[in-house]
Amino acid sequence: MLVLDDLDRGLIHALQVDARAPFTLIAEVLGSSTQTVVRRYRRLYAQAGLRVVTLPTPRSAGAHQWFVRLTAATRSAHDIAVALARRPDTSWVRLTSGGTEIVAIIHTAPSGPDAHALLLRDIPRTAGITSVSAHYLLHTYLGGPTAWRGRVNVLDEEQQARLRAERETTGVSGRATHPGEEPYRLTDADRALLDALREDARTSYAELAAVTRTTASTVARRLAELRTRGALFFDVDVDPALVGVTVSALLWMQVAPAQLETVATALAGHEELALVAATTGPTNLVAQALCQDAEALHAYLTRRVAWEAVTRIETAPVLRTYKAAVALRTRTS
């Protein structure tokens, strides 16, 4: 297995700070040469599953998100997970709980005849599925635009500030919309641009111009505006095992409603967690824990989540990830 060094970790961290930062700037910040940084990026892409992708924020895209938990016979669970992972309207497809449960995020349109076709028609008709539960994602406290802090943390504040300064001088500091604030709605032209960036957030302006039939300067201005409006975000994905994670688990929690905001906000500050989100259903808070080993997960559950407000917690170990935010996975995690 590939072993990451400080330069690899620094590169990953730099991409988290600014996914489209020029390699020349990243090299300066890391104290390396541009050629070396490019070479390391290509190696991480080929051997570590590194992907830098672009996604619209759900509010700007006008999309709804559902956590779906499917129980299936062991012999059919793999095939069902693969089929779900290949769909364009799914993300984060995982096999959990002894290989009989599939958890996926499904993206649906808010209205229309086929808005919930996968939930209401396709999944119920799939042979081998014995039970289905759907949890509407109400609010994300950690995850999506907010990167997992535990992945890498090697750049100091000055190095991060240099990367942010470059982003801000080009007018792309970005911001998130807040509850009650009217979000920016993507146009057809915006969607075409985001489609071109979907699987590679570092696609050059020249390539984007060719795909969208505009000019590089037009694409640069439009992308800068979308970032400023908080209409998109970048996600950096890498094989968790390469950063010391051997145990991943989904935590389905039941929290007293009056304490939900307080608990979720506190959990969002835990480095062990990559996701914290409020949902509908018998459990109203879901989190993903990424830990070094089983003992570390046990210590986290018993020492850091042992709050009276958390009245119930179900721990579902992740056995395999079939799909991350966009890209299909071939490694287990």
Protein backbone atom coordinates (compact mmCIF):
# COMPACT_ATOMS: atom_id res chain seq x y z
CA MET A 1 0.00 0.00 0.00
CA LEU A 2 1.15 3.53 -0.78
CA VAL A 3 2.55 5.33 2.27
CA LEU A 4 1.88 9.06 2.41
CA ASP A 5 4.62 11.45 3.48
CA ASP A 6 4.35 15.07 4.63
CA LEU A 7 4.39 16.37 1.06
CA ASP A 8 1.48 14.11 0.08
CA ARG A 9 -0.49 15.15 3.15
CA GLY A 10 0.33 18.78 2.56
CA LEU A 11 -0.91 18.53 -1.01
CA ILE A 12 -4.20 16.95 0.11
CA HIS A 13 -4.63 19.62 2.78
CA ALA A 14 -3.92 22.37 0.24
CA LEU A 15 -6.61 21.00 -2.06
CA GLN A 16 -9.06 21.05 0.84
CA VAL A 17 -8.31 24.73 1.41
CA ASP A 18 -8.64 25.58 -2.29
CA ALA A 19 -9.42 22.77 -4.71
CA ARG A 20 -8.48 24.89 -7.73
CA ALA A 21 -5.31 26.46 -6.37
CA PRO A 22 -2.61 26.48 -9.08
CA PHE A 23 0.07 23.83 -8.66
CA THR A 24 2.63 26.64 -8.75
CA LEU A 25 1.08 28.23 -5.65
CA ILE A 26 0.72 24.88 -3.87
CA ALA A 27 4.38 24.15 -4.59
CA GLU A 28 5.41 27.52 -3.14
CA VAL A 29 3.33 26.95 -0.01
CA LEU A 30 4.77 23.44 0.44
CA GLY A 31 8.35 24.50 -0.30
CA SER A 32 8.63 22.15 -3.26
CA SER A 33 8.85 22.37 -7.04
CA THR A 34 5.85 22.53 -9.31
CA GLN A 35 7.00 19.39 -11.17
CA THR A 36 7.23 17.42 -7.94
CA VAL A 37 3.78 18.53 -6.76
CA VAL A 38 2.22 17.61 -10.12
CA ARG A 39 3.94 14.24 -10.03
CA ARG A 40 2.68 13.58 -6.49
CA TYR A 41 -0.86 14.61 -7.48
CA ARG A 42 -0.86 12.14 -10.37
CA ARG A 43 0.46 9.39 -8.10
CA LEU A 44 -2.21 10.05 -5.49
CA TYR A 45 -4.83 10.03 -8.24
CA ALA A 46 -3.65 6.67 -9.56
CA GLN A 47 -2.80 4.88 -6.33
CA ALA A 48 -4.71 6.56 -3.50
CA GLY A 49 -8.06 7.19 -5.15
CA LEU A 50 -7.59 10.95 -4.84
CA ARG A 51 -10.45 12.79 -6.52
CA VAL A 52 -11.25 16.49 -6.42
CA VAL A 53 -14.84 16.93 -7.53
CA THR A 54 -17.35 19.74 -7.85
CA LEU A 55 -20.92 19.54 -6.59
CA PRO A 56 -23.78 22.02 -6.47
CA THR A 57 -25.12 22.86 -3.05
CA PRO A 58 -28.53 21.16 -2.68
CA ARG A 59 -30.36 24.46 -2.11
CA SER A 60 -28.96 26.02 -5.28
CA ALA A 61 -29.66 22.87 -7.27
CA GLY A 62 -33.20 22.71 -5.91
CA ALA A 63 -32.61 19.07 -4.93
CA HIS A 64 -33.70 17.01 -1.95
CA GLN A 65 -31.45 14.47 -0.28
CA TRP A 66 -32.49 11.22 1.37
CA PHE A 67 -30.53 8.72 3.41
CA VAL A 68 -31.91 5.35 2.37
CA ARG A 69 -31.27 2.18 4.36
CA LEU A 70 -31.98 -1.05 2.49
CA THR A 71 -31.87 -4.51 4.01
CA ALA A 72 -31.08 -7.25 1.51
CA ALA A 73 -30.10 -10.89 1.46
CA THR A 74 -26.32 -11.29 1.69
CA ARG A 75 -26.16 -12.97 -1.72
CA SER A 76 -27.85 -10.00 -3.46
CA ALA A 77 -26.61 -7.03 -1.40
CA HIS A 78 -23.43 -6.56 -3.46
CA ASP A 79 -25.24 -6.49 -6.80
CA ILE A 80 -27.86 -4.05 -5.49
CA ALA A 81 -25.16 -1.75 -4.12
CA VAL A 82 -23.29 -1.79 -7.43
CA ALA A 83 -26.48 -0.97 -9.33
CA LEU A 84 -27.22 1.96 -7.00
CA ALA A 85 -23.64 3.24 -7.27
CA ARG A 86 -23.90 3.39 -11.06
CA ARG A 87 -26.90 5.71 -10.94
CA PRO A 88 -26.29 9.45 -11.44
CA ASP A 89 -28.78 10.34 -8.68
CA THR A 90 -26.94 8.55 -5.86
CA SER A 91 -23.83 9.21 -3.77
CA TRP A 92 -22.04 7.66 -0.80
CA VAL A 93 -23.23 4.11 -1.41
CA ARG A 94 -22.01 1.85 1.39
CA LEU A 95 -22.41 -1.71 2.62
CA THR A 96 -22.84 -1.90 6.40
CA SER A 97 -23.95 -4.13 9.28
CA GLY A 98 -22.53 -7.53 8.41
CA GLY A 99 -23.12 -7.14 4.69
CA THR A 100 -26.91 -7.10 4.78
CA GLU A 101 -27.59 -3.37 4.84
CA ILE A 102 -26.97 -0.84 2.07
CA VAL A 103 -26.92 2.86 2.91
CA ALA A 104 -27.00 5.45 0.15
CA ILE A 105 -27.79 9.11 -0.35
CA ILE A 106 -30.40 9.63 -3.05
CA HIS A 107 -30.86 13.02 -4.72
CA THR A 108 -34.39 13.80 -5.91
CA ALA A 109 -36.12 16.67 -7.63
CA PRO A 110 -38.61 18.53 -5.40
CA SER A 111 -41.53 17.88 -7.74
CA GLY A 112 -42.56 16.26 -11.00
CA PRO A 113 -43.89 12.84 -12.03
CA ASP A 114 -40.53 11.12 -11.59
CA ALA A 115 -39.31 13.13 -8.60
CA HIS A 116 -39.25 10.15 -6.26
CA ALA A 117 -39.31 7.30 -8.77
CA LEU A 118 -36.28 5.57 -7.24
CA LEU A 119 -37.81 5.68 -3.75
CA LEU A 120 -41.40 4.89 -4.65
CA ARG A 121 -41.06 2.60 -7.66
CA ASP A 122 -37.61 1.26 -8.47
CA ILE A 123 -36.38 0.22 -5.03
CA PRO A 124 -39.62 -1.47 -3.87
CA ARG A 125 -39.67 -3.55 -7.06
CA THR A 126 -36.07 -4.73 -6.70
CA ALA A 127 -35.78 -8.42 -5.94
CA GLY A 128 -33.76 -9.26 -2.85
CA ILE A 129 -34.64 -6.15 -0.83
CA THR A 130 -36.49 -7.11 2.34
CA SER A 131 -36.93 -3.71 4.01
CA VAL A 132 -36.53 -0.01 3.23
CA SER A 133 -36.36 3.09 5.39
CA ALA A 134 -35.87 6.61 4.05
CA HIS A 135 -34.63 9.55 6.11
CA TYR A 136 -34.99 13.02 4.64
CA LEU A 137 -31.86 15.10 5.20
CA LEU A 138 -32.96 18.29 6.95
CA HIS A 139 -29.69 20.04 7.77
CA THR A 140 -25.97 19.31 7.43
CA TYR A 141 -23.74 20.39 10.31
CA LEU A 142 -20.59 18.73 9.01
CA GLY A 143 -19.85 17.30 5.57
CA GLY A 144 -20.48 18.52 2.05
CA PRO A 145 -19.00 22.04 1.89
CA THR A 146 -17.36 21.51 5.30
CA ALA A 147 -14.43 19.12 4.91
CA TRP A 148 -13.47 16.42 7.42
CA ARG A 149 -10.75 17.96 9.57
CA GLY A 150 -9.31 14.60 10.59
CA ARG A 151 -8.12 13.65 7.11
CA VAL A 152 -4.97 15.74 7.18
CA ASN A 153 -3.90 18.70 9.24
CA VAL A 154 -0.35 19.55 8.23
CA LEU A 155 -0.48 23.11 6.90
CA ASP A 156 -0.05 25.83 9.49
CA GLU A 157 -2.26 28.93 9.63
CA GLU A 158 0.17 31.00 7.57
CA GLN A 159 0.27 28.41 4.76
CA GLN A 160 -3.51 28.14 4.73
CA ALA A 161 -3.81 31.92 4.73
CA ARG A 162 -1.63 32.13 1.60
CA LEU A 163 -3.94 29.75 -0.22
CA ARG A 164 -7.04 31.61 0.93
CA ALA A 165 -5.52 34.97 0.01
CA GLU A 166 -5.10 33.82 -3.59
CA ARG A 167 -8.71 32.73 -3.66
CA GLU A 168 -9.97 35.98 -2.17
CA THR A 169 -7.94 38.19 -4.52
CA THR A 170 -9.72 36.52 -7.45
CA GLY A 171 -13.10 37.16 -5.84
CA VAL A 172 -13.95 33.55 -5.07
CA SER A 173 -13.95 33.44 -1.28
CA GLY A 174 -17.36 31.79 -1.36
CA ARG A 175 -20.04 31.69 1.30
CA ALA A 176 -22.91 29.46 2.33
CA THR A 177 -26.55 30.52 2.35
CA HIS A 178 -28.25 30.54 5.74
CA PRO A 179 -31.68 29.22 6.74
CA GLY A 180 -34.33 31.70 5.66
CA GLU A 181 -32.04 33.29 3.07
CA GLU A 182 -33.10 32.85 -0.53
CA PRO A 183 -30.47 30.64 -2.24
CA TYR A 184 -29.10 31.32 -5.67
CA ARG A 185 -30.79 29.03 -8.22
CA LEU A 186 -28.63 27.45 -10.89
CA THR A 187 -29.40 28.23 -14.52
CA ASP A 188 -29.07 25.75 -17.38
CA ALA A 189 -25.72 27.33 -18.27
CA ASP A 190 -24.56 26.92 -14.68
CA ARG A 191 -25.54 23.25 -14.70
CA ALA A 192 -23.62 22.66 -17.92
CA LEU A 193 -20.53 24.19 -16.34
CA LEU A 194 -20.90 22.12 -13.17
CA ASP A 195 -21.43 18.95 -15.19
CA ALA A 196 -18.09 19.61 -16.88
CA LEU A 197 -16.46 20.04 -13.45
CA ARG A 198 -18.30 17.22 -11.72
CA GLU A 199 -15.62 14.53 -11.80
CA ASP A 200 -12.57 16.79 -11.93
CA ALA A 201 -12.73 20.13 -10.15
CA ARG A 202 -9.30 21.04 -11.55
CA THR A 203 -10.37 20.99 -15.20
CA SER A 204 -8.69 23.94 -16.90
CA TYR A 205 -10.58 27.04 -18.02
CA ALA A 206 -9.64 26.25 -21.62
CA GLU A 207 -11.17 22.78 -21.41
CA LEU A 208 -14.27 24.15 -19.70
CA ALA A 209 -14.62 26.79 -22.41
CA ALA A 210 -14.50 24.12 -25.10
CA VAL A 211 -17.16 22.01 -23.38
CA THR A 212 -19.50 24.93 -22.64
CA ARG A 213 -18.81 26.69 -25.97
CA THR A 214 -17.75 29.95 -24.34
CA THR A 215 -14.40 31.59 -23.66
CA ALA A 216 -11.91 30.88 -20.88
CA SER A 217 -12.42 34.35 -19.42
CA THR A 218 -16.21 33.90 -19.41
CA VAL A 219 -15.88 30.54 -17.67
CA ALA A 220 -13.48 31.99 -15.09
CA ARG A 221 -15.88 34.83 -14.25
CA ARG A 222 -18.89 32.51 -14.04
CA LEU A 223 -17.12 30.00 -11.84
CA ALA A 224 -15.90 32.79 -9.56
CA GLU A 225 -19.45 34.11 -9.23
CA LEU A 226 -20.87 30.67 -8.42
CA ARG A 227 -18.24 30.17 -5.74
CA THR A 228 -18.92 33.61 -4.28
CA ARG A 229 -22.65 32.90 -4.19
CA GLY A 230 -22.08 29.59 -2.39
CA ALA A 231 -23.80 27.71 -5.20
CA LEU A 232 -21.16 24.97 -5.38
CA PHE A 233 -18.56 23.27 -3.27
CA PHE A 234 -15.53 21.08 -3.82
CA ASP A 235 -15.00 17.68 -2.25
CA VAL A 236 -11.60 16.01 -1.86
CA ASP A 237 -11.83 12.23 -1.64
CA VAL A 238 -8.96 9.87 -0.83
CA ASP A 239 -8.74 6.29 0.41
CA PRO A 240 -9.26 6.63 4.22
CA ALA A 241 -6.87 3.76 4.95
CA LEU A 242 -4.00 5.86 3.63
CA VAL A 243 -4.55 8.47 6.35
CA GLY A 244 -4.70 5.89 9.14
CA VAL A 245 -8.41 5.04 9.14
CA THR A 246 -9.19 1.32 9.41
CA VAL A 247 -12.63 1.51 11.02
CA SER A 248 -15.57 3.49 9.65
CA ALA A 249 -19.07 3.44 11.12
CA LEU A 250 -22.38 5.21 10.68
CA LEU A 251 -23.93 6.38 13.94
CA TRP A 252 -27.72 6.65 13.92
CA MET A 253 -28.66 8.69 16.99
CA GLN A 254 -31.87 9.63 18.71
CA VAL A 255 -31.52 13.00 20.40
CA ALA A 256 -34.01 14.95 22.46
CA PRO A 257 -35.37 17.56 20.01
CA ALA A 258 -34.70 20.45 22.39
CA GLN A 259 -31.04 19.41 22.52
CA LEU A 260 -30.57 18.50 18.86
CA GLU A 261 -28.93 21.77 17.78
CA THR A 262 -26.56 21.80 20.76
CA VAL A 263 -25.54 18.15 20.34
CA ALA A 264 -25.12 18.36 16.55
CA THR A 265 -23.03 21.54 16.76
CA ALA A 266 -20.76 19.95 19.36
CA LEU A 267 -20.37 16.77 17.31
CA ALA A 268 -19.46 18.80 14.24
CA GLY A 269 -16.31 19.87 16.08
CA HIS A 270 -15.10 16.30 16.66
CA GLU A 271 -12.18 15.27 14.45
CA GLU A 272 -13.40 11.66 14.52
CA LEU A 273 -16.48 12.60 12.50
CA ALA A 274 -16.72 13.28 8.78
CA LEU A 275 -20.49 13.82 8.68
CA VAL A 276 -23.13 15.15 11.06
CA ALA A 277 -26.65 15.70 9.73
CA ALA A 278 -30.18 16.03 11.06
CA THR A 279 -32.76 13.74 9.45
CA THR A 280 -36.33 12.61 9.74
CA GLY A 281 -37.21 9.17 11.07
CA PRO A 282 -36.96 7.24 14.36
CA THR A 283 -33.39 8.53 14.68
CA ASN A 284 -32.96 12.23 14.04
CA LEU A 285 -29.18 12.60 13.81
CA VAL A 286 -26.69 10.65 11.69
CA ALA A 287 -22.91 10.83 11.84
CA GLN A 288 -20.00 9.03 10.24
CA ALA A 289 -17.06 8.12 12.45
CA LEU A 290 -13.61 7.46 11.01
CA CYS A 291 -11.22 5.92 13.53
CA GLN A 292 -7.78 4.36 13.65
CA ASP A 293 -9.07 1.02 14.96
CA ALA A 294 -11.91 -0.63 16.90
CA GLU A 295 -10.49 0.46 20.25
CA ALA A 296 -10.46 4.07 19.09
CA LEU A 297 -14.10 3.82 18.00
CA HIS A 298 -15.02 2.27 21.36
CA ALA A 299 -13.24 5.05 23.23
CA TYR A 300 -15.00 7.67 21.11
CA LEU A 301 -18.47 6.20 21.69
CA THR A 302 -18.06 5.70 25.42
CA ARG A 303 -16.16 8.85 26.32
CA ARG A 304 -17.17 11.56 23.86
CA VAL A 305 -20.74 10.73 22.86
CA ALA A 306 -22.00 9.55 26.24
CA TRP A 307 -24.44 12.42 26.75
CA GLU A 308 -27.84 12.23 28.40
CA ALA A 309 -29.38 14.03 25.41
CA VAL A 310 -28.39 11.09 23.16
CA THR A 311 -31.06 8.61 24.21
CA ARG A 312 -30.23 5.95 21.65
CA ILE A 313 -27.36 5.19 19.31
CA GLU A 314 -27.05 2.49 16.66
CA THR A 315 -23.56 1.81 15.35
CA ALA A 316 -23.36 0.37 11.82
CA PRO A 317 -19.80 -0.52 10.71
CA VAL A 318 -19.06 0.33 7.09
CA LEU A 319 -17.71 -2.76 5.36
CA ARG A 320 -17.31 -1.32 1.88
CA THR A 321 -17.76 1.96 0.05
CA TYR A 322 -18.98 1.50 -3.52
CA LYS A 323 -19.33 5.16 -4.36
CA ALA A 324 -18.08 8.36 -2.79
CA ALA A 325 -19.46 11.81 -3.65
CA VAL A 326 -19.22 11.14 -7.39
CA ALA A 327 -16.61 8.52 -8.22
CA LEU A 328 -17.13 4.76 -8.04
CA ARG A 329 -14.81 3.01 -5.62
CA THR A 330 -12.98 -0.27 -6.06
CA ARG A 331 -11.30 -0.30 -2.62
CA THR A 332 -12.97 -1.29 0.62
CA SER A 333 -13.20 1.15 3.53
